């Protein structure tokens, strides 16, 4: 089992708290179980268990929460780790937009003594594709 984090006074430090629970939700440690209630602190070493047609929402810190559905039994630290991994996975996932990315480039050169002309620059525009599977524009 995980070792409990303690603060400077030596008392165990909570890793989260119960936000809401419906149905039968229990918190256990060392074989002893008690009913969970809203705002109850969760500590390392505890186990969360939900009954049939039950659910619980746990808040670990302001931007990390987890929800357990019916019929689940999991250690609090395992639930915390699972939530952290899911959050990290969401940050590093590949983009889902598969559209081609395109960019237009206008090559310009200057020759001393000439005047700029937009008409000439417009003729020089070419399309460049980032997608290697697409044939280049002609």
C-alpha atoms as a PDB file:
ATOM      1  CA  UNK A   1       0.000   0.000   0.000  1.00  0.00           C
ATOM      2  CA  UNK A   2       1.050   3.608  -0.514  1.00  0.00           C
ATOM      3  CA  UNK A   3       2.574   5.502   2.333  1.00  0.00           C
ATOM      4  CA  UNK A   4       0.499   8.391   3.586  1.00  0.00           C
ATOM      5  CA  UNK A   5       1.804  11.909   3.059  1.00  0.00           C
ATOM      6  CA  UNK A   6       2.016  13.890   6.276  1.00  0.00           C
ATOM      7  CA  UNK A   7       2.248  17.582   6.977  1.00  0.00           C
ATOM      8  CA  UNK A   8       4.740  19.260   9.340  1.00  0.00           C
ATOM      9  CA  UNK A   9       2.697  18.334  12.426  1.00  0.00           C
ATOM     10  CA  UNK A  10       2.789  14.633  11.474  1.00  0.00           C
ATOM     11  CA  UNK A  11      -0.931  14.270  10.666  1.00  0.00           C
ATOM     12  CA  UNK A  12      -1.913  12.577   7.386  1.00  0.00           C
ATOM     13  CA  UNK A  13      -2.489  14.920   4.455  1.00  0.00           C
ATOM     14  CA  UNK A  14      -5.568  14.464   2.266  1.00  0.00           C
ATOM     15  CA  UNK A  15      -5.031  13.706  -1.431  1.00  0.00           C
ATOM     16  CA  UNK A  16      -8.601  14.614  -2.383  1.00  0.00           C
ATOM     17  CA  UNK A  17     -12.188  14.942  -1.246  1.00  0.00           C
ATOM     18  CA  UNK A  18     -15.614  13.606  -2.134  1.00  0.00           C
ATOM     19  CA  UNK A  19     -17.563  16.150  -4.172  1.00  0.00           C
ATOM     20  CA  UNK A  20     -20.778  14.169  -4.527  1.00  0.00           C
ATOM     21  CA  UNK A  21     -22.012  10.619  -4.203  1.00  0.00           C
ATOM     22  CA  UNK A  22     -25.222   8.803  -5.037  1.00  0.00           C
ATOM     23  CA  UNK A  23     -26.294   5.355  -3.917  1.00  0.00           C
ATOM     24  CA  UNK A  24     -23.961   3.210  -1.830  1.00  0.00           C
ATOM     25  CA  UNK A  25     -20.424   4.601  -1.768  1.00  0.00           C
ATOM     26  CA  UNK A  26     -17.954   3.381   0.834  1.00  0.00           C
ATOM     27  CA  UNK A  27     -14.447   4.329   1.917  1.00  0.00           C
ATOM     28  CA  UNK A  28     -12.354   1.620   3.523  1.00  0.00           C
ATOM     29  CA  UNK A  29      -9.002   1.013   5.119  1.00  0.00           C
ATOM     30  CA  UNK A  30      -7.605  -2.073   6.811  1.00  0.00           C
ATOM     31  CA  UNK A  31     -10.868  -3.976   6.253  1.00  0.00           C
ATOM     32  CA  UNK A  32     -13.109  -1.379   7.901  1.00  0.00           C
ATOM     33  CA  UNK A  33     -15.675   0.382   5.727  1.00  0.00           C
ATOM     34  CA  UNK A  34     -17.786   3.498   6.262  1.00  0.00           C
ATOM     35  CA  UNK A  35     -20.276   5.364   4.095  1.00  0.00           C
ATOM     36  CA  UNK A  36     -18.836   8.252   2.088  1.00  0.00           C
ATOM     37  CA  UNK A  37     -20.377  11.706   2.379  1.00  0.00           C
ATOM     38  CA  UNK A  38     -19.852  14.917   0.429  1.00  0.00           C
ATOM     39  CA  UNK A  39     -16.814  17.011   1.487  1.00  0.00           C
ATOM     40  CA  UNK A  40     -15.172  13.979   3.154  1.00  0.00           C
ATOM     41  CA  UNK A  41     -11.387  13.959   2.771  1.00  0.00           C
ATOM     42  CA  UNK A  42      -9.675  11.087   0.956  1.00  0.00           C
ATOM     43  CA  UNK A  43      -6.252   9.847   2.113  1.00  0.00           C
ATOM     44  CA  UNK A  44      -3.583   7.602   0.589  1.00  0.00           C
ATOM     45  CA  UNK A  45      -4.115   4.025   1.715  1.00  0.00           C
ATOM     46  CA  UNK A  46      -7.907   4.246   1.490  1.00  0.00           C
ATOM     47  CA  UNK A  47     -10.062   2.275  -0.938  1.00  0.00           C
ATOM     48  CA  UNK A  48     -13.188   3.586  -2.662  1.00  0.00           C
ATOM     49  CA  UNK A  49     -16.058   1.232  -3.453  1.00  0.00           C
ATOM     50  CA  UNK A  50     -19.370   1.897  -5.229  1.00  0.00           C
ATOM     51  CA  UNK A  51     -22.441  -0.312  -5.073  1.00  0.00           C
ATOM     52  CA  UNK A  52     -25.038  -1.022  -7.762  1.00  0.00           C
ATOM     53  CA  UNK A  53     -26.589   2.086  -9.306  1.00  0.00           C
ATOM     54  CA  UNK A  54     -24.088   4.244  -7.401  1.00  0.00           C
ATOM     55  CA  UNK A  55     -21.482   6.826  -8.357  1.00  0.00           C
ATOM     56  CA  UNK A  56     -19.010   9.189  -6.739  1.00  0.00           C
ATOM     57  CA  UNK A  57     -17.050  12.245  -7.880  1.00  0.00           C
ATOM     58  CA  UNK A  58     -13.652  12.864  -6.291  1.00  0.00           C
ATOM     59  CA  UNK A  59     -11.726  16.147  -6.556  1.00  0.00           C
ATOM     60  CA  UNK A  60      -7.957  15.745  -6.197  1.00  0.00           C
ATOM     61  CA  UNK A  61      -7.012  19.369  -6.864  1.00  0.00           C
ATOM     62  CA  UNK A  62      -8.771  22.284  -8.558  1.00  0.00           C
ATOM     63  CA  UNK A  63      -8.194  20.937 -12.073  1.00  0.00           C
ATOM     64  CA  UNK A  64      -8.103  17.168 -11.513  1.00  0.00           C
ATOM     65  CA  UNK A  65     -11.173  15.112 -10.712  1.00  0.00           C
ATOM     66  CA  UNK A  66     -12.396  11.554 -11.193  1.00  0.00           C
ATOM     67  CA  UNK A  67     -15.780   9.880 -11.354  1.00  0.00           C
ATOM     68  CA  UNK A  68     -16.481   6.280 -10.410  1.00  0.00           C
ATOM     69  CA  UNK A  69     -19.512   4.454 -11.773  1.00  0.00           C
ATOM     70  CA  UNK A  70     -21.400   1.550 -10.186  1.00  0.00           C
ATOM     71  CA  UNK A  71     -19.614  -1.617  -9.091  1.00  0.00           C
ATOM     72  CA  UNK A  72     -16.058  -0.249  -8.849  1.00  0.00           C
ATOM     73  CA  UNK A  73     -13.465  -0.820  -6.138  1.00  0.00           C
ATOM     74  CA  UNK A  74     -10.146   1.055  -6.424  1.00  0.00           C
ATOM     75  CA  UNK A  75      -7.394   2.394  -4.173  1.00  0.00           C
ATOM     76  CA  UNK A  76      -7.488   6.185  -3.837  1.00  0.00           C
ATOM     77  CA  UNK A  77      -3.860   6.567  -4.988  1.00  0.00           C
ATOM     78  CA  UNK A  78      -4.554   4.380  -8.055  1.00  0.00           C
ATOM     79  CA  UNK A  79      -7.525   6.569  -8.951  1.00  0.00           C
ATOM     80  CA  UNK A  80      -5.346   9.674  -8.545  1.00  0.00           C
ATOM     81  CA  UNK A  81      -2.662   8.189 -10.818  1.00  0.00           C
ATOM     82  CA  UNK A  82      -5.258   7.137 -13.415  1.00  0.00           C
ATOM     83  CA  UNK A  83      -6.672  10.679 -13.452  1.00  0.00           C
ATOM     84  CA  UNK A  84      -3.202  12.205 -13.855  1.00  0.00           C
ATOM     85  CA  UNK A  85      -2.365   9.854 -16.730  1.00  0.00           C
ATOM     86  CA  UNK A  86      -5.654  10.572 -18.526  1.00  0.00           C
ATOM     87  CA  UNK A  87      -5.027  14.306 -18.191  1.00  0.00           C
ATOM     88  CA  UNK A  88      -1.477  13.945 -19.566  1.00  0.00           C
ATOM     89  CA  UNK A  89      -2.728  11.767 -22.432  1.00  0.00           C
ATOM     90  CA  UNK A  90      -5.208  14.473 -23.412  1.00  0.00           C
ATOM     91  CA  UNK A  91      -2.395  17.028 -23.590  1.00  0.00           C
ATOM     92  CA  UNK A  92      -0.117  14.953 -25.836  1.00  0.00           C
ATOM     93  CA  UNK A  93      -2.665  13.355 -28.160  1.00  0.00           C
ATOM     94  CA  UNK A  94      -2.186  13.824 -31.898  1.00  0.00           C
ATOM     95  CA  UNK A  95      -4.382  16.430 -33.569  1.00  0.00           C
ATOM     96  CA  UNK A  96      -7.573  15.003 -34.998  1.00  0.00           C
ATOM     97  CA  UNK A  97      -7.733  17.508 -37.871  1.00  0.00           C
ATOM     98  CA  UNK A  98      -6.579  15.577 -40.949  1.00  0.00           C
ATOM     99  CA  UNK A  99      -7.136  18.370 -43.454  1.00  0.00           C
ATOM    100  CA  UNK A 100      -4.154  19.397 -45.511  1.00  0.00           C
ATOM    101  CA  UNK A 101      -2.228  22.428 -44.378  1.00  0.00           C
ATOM    102  CA  UNK A 102      -1.365  24.820 -47.124  1.00  0.00           C
ATOM    103  CA  UNK A 103       0.620  27.991 -47.346  1.00  0.00           C
ATOM    104  CA  UNK A 104       1.008  30.539 -50.132  1.00  0.00           C
ATOM    105  CA  UNK A 105       4.442  32.030 -50.694  1.00  0.00           C
ATOM    106  CA  UNK A 106       5.127  35.008 -52.896  1.00  0.00           C
ATOM    107  CA  UNK A 107       8.785  35.160 -53.931  1.00  0.00           C
ATOM    108  CA  UNK A 108       9.872  38.773 -54.342  1.00  0.00           C
ATOM    109  CA  UNK A 109      13.147  40.152 -55.598  1.00  0.00           C
ATOM    110  CA  UNK A 110      14.076  43.764 -55.923  1.00  0.00           C
ATOM    111  CA  UNK A 111      16.008  45.288 -58.773  1.00  0.00           C
ATOM    112  CA  UNK A 112      17.331  48.765 -58.330  1.00  0.00           C
ATOM    113  CA  UNK A 113      15.591  51.324 -60.461  1.00  0.00           C
ATOM    114  CA  UNK A 114      12.344  49.397 -60.982  1.00  0.00           C
ATOM    115  CA  UNK A 115       8.982  50.105 -59.505  1.00  0.00           C
ATOM    116  CA  UNK A 116       7.022  47.495 -57.530  1.00  0.00           C
ATOM    117  CA  UNK A 117       3.983  46.092 -59.260  1.00  0.00           C
ATOM    118  CA  UNK A 118       1.315  44.008 -57.535  1.00  0.00           C
ATOM    119  CA  UNK A 119       0.274  42.463 -60.850  1.00  0.00           C
ATOM    120  CA  UNK A 120       3.681  40.904 -61.370  1.00  0.00           C
ATOM    121  CA  UNK A 121       3.902  39.638 -57.792  1.00  0.00           C
ATOM    122  CA  UNK A 122       0.455  38.031 -58.103  1.00  0.00           C
ATOM    123  CA  UNK A 123       1.655  35.957 -61.072  1.00  0.00           C
ATOM    124  CA  UNK A 124       4.477  34.507 -58.969  1.00  0.00           C
ATOM    125  CA  UNK A 125       2.300  33.060 -56.216  1.00  0.00           C
ATOM    126  CA  UNK A 126       2.666  29.320 -55.752  1.00  0.00           C
ATOM    127  CA  UNK A 127       0.936  26.860 -53.471  1.00  0.00           C
ATOM    128  CA  UNK A 128       3.076  24.767 -51.153  1.00  0.00           C
ATOM    129  CA  UNK A 129       1.670  21.719 -49.385  1.00  0.00           C
ATOM    130  CA  UNK A 130       2.779  20.227 -46.089  1.00  0.00           C
ATOM    131  CA  UNK A 131       1.023  16.973 -46.820  1.00  0.00           C
ATOM    132  CA  UNK A 132       3.491  14.711 -48.643  1.00  0.00           C
ATOM    133  CA  UNK A 133       0.681  12.609 -50.117  1.00  0.00           C
ATOM    134  CA  UNK A 134      -0.667  15.528 -52.140  1.00  0.00           C
ATOM    135  CA  UNK A 135       0.828  16.295 -55.534  1.00  0.00           C
ATOM    136  CA  UNK A 136       2.342  19.795 -55.773  1.00  0.00           C
ATOM    137  CA  UNK A 137       0.481  22.490 -57.700  1.00  0.00           C
ATOM    138  CA  UNK A 138       1.585  23.030 -61.290  1.00  0.00           C
END
